[in-house]
Amino acid sequence: MVRISFSGREIASVLRGHCFRPVRRTGSHLKLRYGHPETDQIRVVPVPMGPADDIPTGTLQSIACQCGAEDFHARCEWIDANR
């Protein structure tokens, strides 16, 4: 079974470890930026960093989509393996 509940801190930590860099923090959201070295494609992903509660599934799906994931469950497996 694929784990599909993560805190904002877990997601931000994994993304930072994979070339996403913090841009700014606005309220309870941290914005992370990724620039692809070959295509110059830029991705900016906001991650809610509120209390240690898990992020709702719909929000997690949106974050995965903004990161370029085509398969949500595969992205959740990747987050779980890299946290």
N, C-alpha and C. Protein backbone atom coordinates (compact mmCIF):
# COMPACT_ATOMS: atom_id res chain seq x y z
N MET A 1 0.84 -1.18 0.00
CA MET A 1 0.00 0.00 0.00
C MET A 1 0.88 1.24 0.00
N VAL A 2 0.53 2.18 -0.82
CA VAL A 2 1.29 3.41 -0.95
C VAL A 2 0.87 4.40 0.13
N ARG A 3 1.83 4.96 0.82
CA ARG A 3 1.54 5.99 1.82
C ARG A 3 1.24 7.29 1.09
N ILE A 4 0.09 7.91 1.41
CA ILE A 4 -0.28 9.16 0.74
C ILE A 4 -0.53 10.29 1.73
N SER A 5 0.06 10.22 2.91
CA SER A 5 -0.08 11.31 3.87
C SER A 5 1.30 11.73 4.35
N PHE A 6 1.60 13.00 4.13
CA PHE A 6 2.90 13.56 4.49
C PHE A 6 2.69 14.95 5.07
N SER A 7 3.60 15.36 5.92
CA SER A 7 3.55 16.73 6.43
C SER A 7 4.27 17.65 5.44
N GLY A 8 4.03 18.93 5.56
CA GLY A 8 4.70 19.90 4.71
C GLY A 8 6.21 19.85 4.89
N ARG A 9 6.65 19.64 6.12
CA ARG A 9 8.09 19.56 6.40
C ARG A 9 8.73 18.38 5.68
N GLU A 10 8.04 17.23 5.65
CA GLU A 10 8.58 16.06 4.95
C GLU A 10 8.71 16.35 3.45
N ILE A 11 7.68 16.94 2.87
CA ILE A 11 7.70 17.23 1.44
C ILE A 11 8.77 18.25 1.11
N ALA A 12 8.85 19.33 1.88
CA ALA A 12 9.86 20.36 1.64
C ALA A 12 11.27 19.78 1.77
N SER A 13 11.48 18.93 2.74
CA SER A 13 12.79 18.32 2.95
C SER A 13 13.20 17.47 1.75
N VAL A 14 12.27 16.67 1.25
CA VAL A 14 12.57 15.82 0.08
C VAL A 14 12.85 16.69 -1.15
N LEU A 15 12.03 17.71 -1.37
CA LEU A 15 12.22 18.56 -2.55
C LEU A 15 13.55 19.32 -2.46
N ARG A 16 13.91 19.81 -1.26
CA ARG A 16 15.20 20.50 -1.10
C ARG A 16 16.35 19.57 -1.42
N GLY A 17 16.22 18.31 -1.08
CA GLY A 17 17.26 17.34 -1.37
C GLY A 17 17.36 16.98 -2.85
N HIS A 18 16.41 17.46 -3.65
CA HIS A 18 16.40 17.17 -5.08
C HIS A 18 16.34 18.46 -5.91
N CYS A 19 17.19 19.38 -5.55
CA CYS A 19 17.44 20.61 -6.32
C CYS A 19 16.35 21.68 -6.28
N PHE A 20 15.34 21.54 -5.44
CA PHE A 20 14.38 22.63 -5.25
C PHE A 20 14.97 23.54 -4.17
N ARG A 21 14.97 24.83 -4.41
CA ARG A 21 15.55 25.79 -3.48
C ARG A 21 14.47 26.70 -2.92
N PRO A 22 14.51 26.98 -1.61
CA PRO A 22 13.52 27.90 -1.03
C PRO A 22 13.65 29.30 -1.65
N VAL A 23 12.52 29.87 -2.02
CA VAL A 23 12.49 31.21 -2.60
C VAL A 23 12.03 32.20 -1.55
N ARG A 24 10.90 31.89 -0.91
CA ARG A 24 10.38 32.76 0.15
C ARG A 24 9.34 32.01 0.95
N ARG A 25 9.05 32.58 2.08
CA ARG A 25 8.00 32.03 2.93
C ARG A 25 6.96 33.11 3.11
N THR A 26 5.72 32.81 2.75
CA THR A 26 4.62 33.75 2.88
C THR A 26 3.57 33.12 3.78
N GLY A 27 3.38 33.68 4.95
CA GLY A 27 2.43 33.09 5.89
C GLY A 27 2.88 31.68 6.26
N SER A 28 2.00 30.73 6.04
CA SER A 28 2.32 29.35 6.39
C SER A 28 2.78 28.53 5.19
N HIS A 29 3.11 29.18 4.08
CA HIS A 29 3.55 28.47 2.88
C HIS A 29 5.00 28.79 2.53
N LEU A 30 5.72 27.75 2.18
CA LEU A 30 7.10 27.89 1.70
C LEU A 30 7.08 27.69 0.20
N LYS A 31 7.66 28.62 -0.55
CA LYS A 31 7.74 28.47 -2.00
C LYS A 31 9.12 27.95 -2.36
N LEU A 32 9.13 26.84 -3.10
CA LEU A 32 10.36 26.22 -3.55
C LEU A 32 10.45 26.35 -5.06
N ARG A 33 11.66 26.58 -5.57
CA ARG A 33 11.88 26.81 -7.00
C ARG A 33 12.86 25.78 -7.54
N TYR A 34 12.56 25.29 -8.74
CA TYR A 34 13.45 24.36 -9.43
C TYR A 34 13.68 24.87 -10.85
N GLY A 35 14.93 24.95 -11.23
CA GLY A 35 15.28 25.34 -12.60
C GLY A 35 15.97 24.16 -13.28
N HIS A 36 15.36 23.64 -14.33
CA HIS A 36 15.93 22.50 -15.04
C HIS A 36 17.21 22.95 -15.76
N PRO A 37 18.32 22.26 -15.54
CA PRO A 37 19.60 22.72 -16.10
C PRO A 37 19.70 22.64 -17.62
N GLU A 38 18.93 21.76 -18.25
CA GLU A 38 19.05 21.61 -19.70
C GLU A 38 17.99 22.38 -20.48
N THR A 39 16.77 22.45 -19.95
CA THR A 39 15.69 23.09 -20.69
C THR A 39 15.34 24.49 -20.18
N ASP A 40 15.95 24.92 -19.10
CA ASP A 40 15.66 26.21 -18.46
C ASP A 40 14.20 26.33 -18.01
N GLN A 41 13.51 25.21 -17.87
CA GLN A 41 12.14 25.21 -17.36
C GLN A 41 12.19 25.51 -15.86
N ILE A 42 11.31 26.40 -15.42
CA ILE A 42 11.25 26.81 -14.02
C ILE A 42 9.95 26.29 -13.41
N ARG A 43 10.05 25.70 -12.23
CA ARG A 43 8.87 25.26 -11.49
C ARG A 43 8.91 25.92 -10.11
N VAL A 44 7.81 26.55 -9.72
CA VAL A 44 7.68 27.13 -8.39
C VAL A 44 6.54 26.39 -7.70
N VAL A 45 6.84 25.78 -6.56
CA VAL A 45 5.88 24.93 -5.87
C VAL A 45 5.66 25.45 -4.45
N PRO A 46 4.43 25.88 -4.13
CA PRO A 46 4.14 26.27 -2.74
C PRO A 46 3.80 25.04 -1.91
N VAL A 47 4.37 24.96 -0.72
CA VAL A 47 4.13 23.83 0.18
C VAL A 47 3.62 24.39 1.51
N PRO A 48 2.43 23.95 1.97
CA PRO A 48 1.93 24.42 3.26
C PRO A 48 2.80 23.89 4.39
N MET A 49 3.22 24.78 5.29
CA MET A 49 4.13 24.41 6.36
C MET A 49 3.51 24.63 7.73
N GLY A 50 2.21 24.49 7.84
CA GLY A 50 1.52 24.70 9.11
C GLY A 50 1.97 23.70 10.15
N PRO A 51 1.16 23.49 11.16
CA PRO A 51 1.52 22.51 12.20
C PRO A 51 1.81 21.15 11.57
N ALA A 52 2.30 20.24 12.35
CA ALA A 52 2.77 18.94 11.85
C ALA A 52 1.66 18.07 11.27
N ASP A 53 0.50 18.63 11.01
CA ASP A 53 -0.59 17.85 10.43
C ASP A 53 -0.26 17.43 9.00
N ASP A 54 -0.88 16.34 8.58
CA ASP A 54 -0.67 15.87 7.22
C ASP A 54 -1.40 16.78 6.23
N ILE A 55 -0.83 16.91 5.06
CA ILE A 55 -1.41 17.72 4.00
C ILE A 55 -2.58 16.94 3.39
N PRO A 56 -3.72 17.59 3.11
CA PRO A 56 -4.85 16.90 2.48
C PRO A 56 -4.43 16.29 1.14
N THR A 57 -5.05 15.18 0.78
CA THR A 57 -4.69 14.44 -0.43
C THR A 57 -4.79 15.31 -1.68
N GLY A 58 -5.82 16.13 -1.80
CA GLY A 58 -5.97 16.99 -2.97
C GLY A 58 -4.82 17.98 -3.10
N THR A 59 -4.39 18.54 -1.99
CA THR A 59 -3.25 19.47 -1.99
C THR A 59 -1.97 18.74 -2.36
N LEU A 60 -1.82 17.54 -1.84
CA LEU A 60 -0.64 16.74 -2.16
C LEU A 60 -0.61 16.39 -3.65
N GLN A 61 -1.78 16.09 -4.22
CA GLN A 61 -1.86 15.82 -5.66
C GLN A 61 -1.47 17.05 -6.46
N SER A 62 -1.90 18.23 -6.01
CA SER A 62 -1.56 19.47 -6.69
C SER A 62 -0.05 19.72 -6.63
N ILE A 63 0.57 19.48 -5.47
CA ILE A 63 2.01 19.66 -5.33
C ILE A 63 2.74 18.70 -6.27
N ALA A 64 2.30 17.45 -6.33
CA ALA A 64 2.93 16.46 -7.21
C ALA A 64 2.83 16.89 -8.67
N CYS A 65 1.66 17.41 -9.06
CA CYS A 65 1.45 17.87 -10.43
C CYS A 65 2.37 19.06 -10.74
N GLN A 66 2.49 20.00 -9.81
CA GLN A 66 3.34 21.17 -10.01
C GLN A 66 4.82 20.79 -10.09
N CYS A 67 5.17 19.66 -9.47
CA CYS A 67 6.56 19.17 -9.54
C CYS A 67 6.83 18.42 -10.83
N GLY A 68 5.79 18.15 -11.60
CA GLY A 68 5.96 17.46 -12.87
C GLY A 68 5.64 15.98 -12.83
N ALA A 69 5.03 15.50 -11.77
CA ALA A 69 4.70 14.08 -11.66
C ALA A 69 3.53 13.73 -12.57
N GLU A 70 3.64 12.62 -13.24
CA GLU A 70 2.53 12.14 -14.06
C GLU A 70 1.72 11.08 -13.32
N ASP A 71 2.35 10.38 -12.37
CA ASP A 71 1.69 9.33 -11.61
C ASP A 71 1.75 9.69 -10.13
N PHE A 72 0.61 10.03 -9.54
CA PHE A 72 0.54 10.47 -8.16
C PHE A 72 1.08 9.43 -7.20
N HIS A 73 0.68 8.18 -7.36
CA HIS A 73 1.12 7.13 -6.43
C HIS A 73 2.63 6.88 -6.54
N ALA A 74 3.16 6.97 -7.75
CA ALA A 74 4.61 6.82 -7.91
C ALA A 74 5.33 7.96 -7.21
N ARG A 75 4.78 9.17 -7.28
CA ARG A 75 5.39 10.31 -6.60
C ARG A 75 5.34 10.14 -5.08
N CYS A 76 4.24 9.59 -4.57
CA CYS A 76 4.14 9.34 -3.13
C CYS A 76 5.17 8.28 -2.68
N GLU A 77 5.36 7.26 -3.49
CA GLU A 77 6.38 6.26 -3.18
C GLU A 77 7.76 6.91 -3.16
N TRP A 78 8.01 7.81 -4.11
CA TRP A 78 9.30 8.51 -4.21
C TRP A 78 9.53 9.39 -2.98
N ILE A 79 8.50 10.11 -2.54
CA ILE A 79 8.61 10.97 -1.35
C ILE A 79 8.90 10.10 -0.14
N ASP A 80 8.17 9.00 0.00
CA ASP A 80 8.34 8.12 1.16
C ASP A 80 9.74 7.52 1.18
N ALA A 81 10.27 7.16 0.03
CA ALA A 81 11.60 6.55 -0.05
C ALA A 81 12.71 7.57 0.21
N ASN A 82 12.46 8.85 -0.04
CA ASN A 82 13.51 9.87 0.06
C ASN A 82 13.39 10.78 1.27
N ARG A 83 12.43 10.55 2.14
CA ARG A 83 12.25 11.46 3.28
C ARG A 83 13.21 11.18 4.40
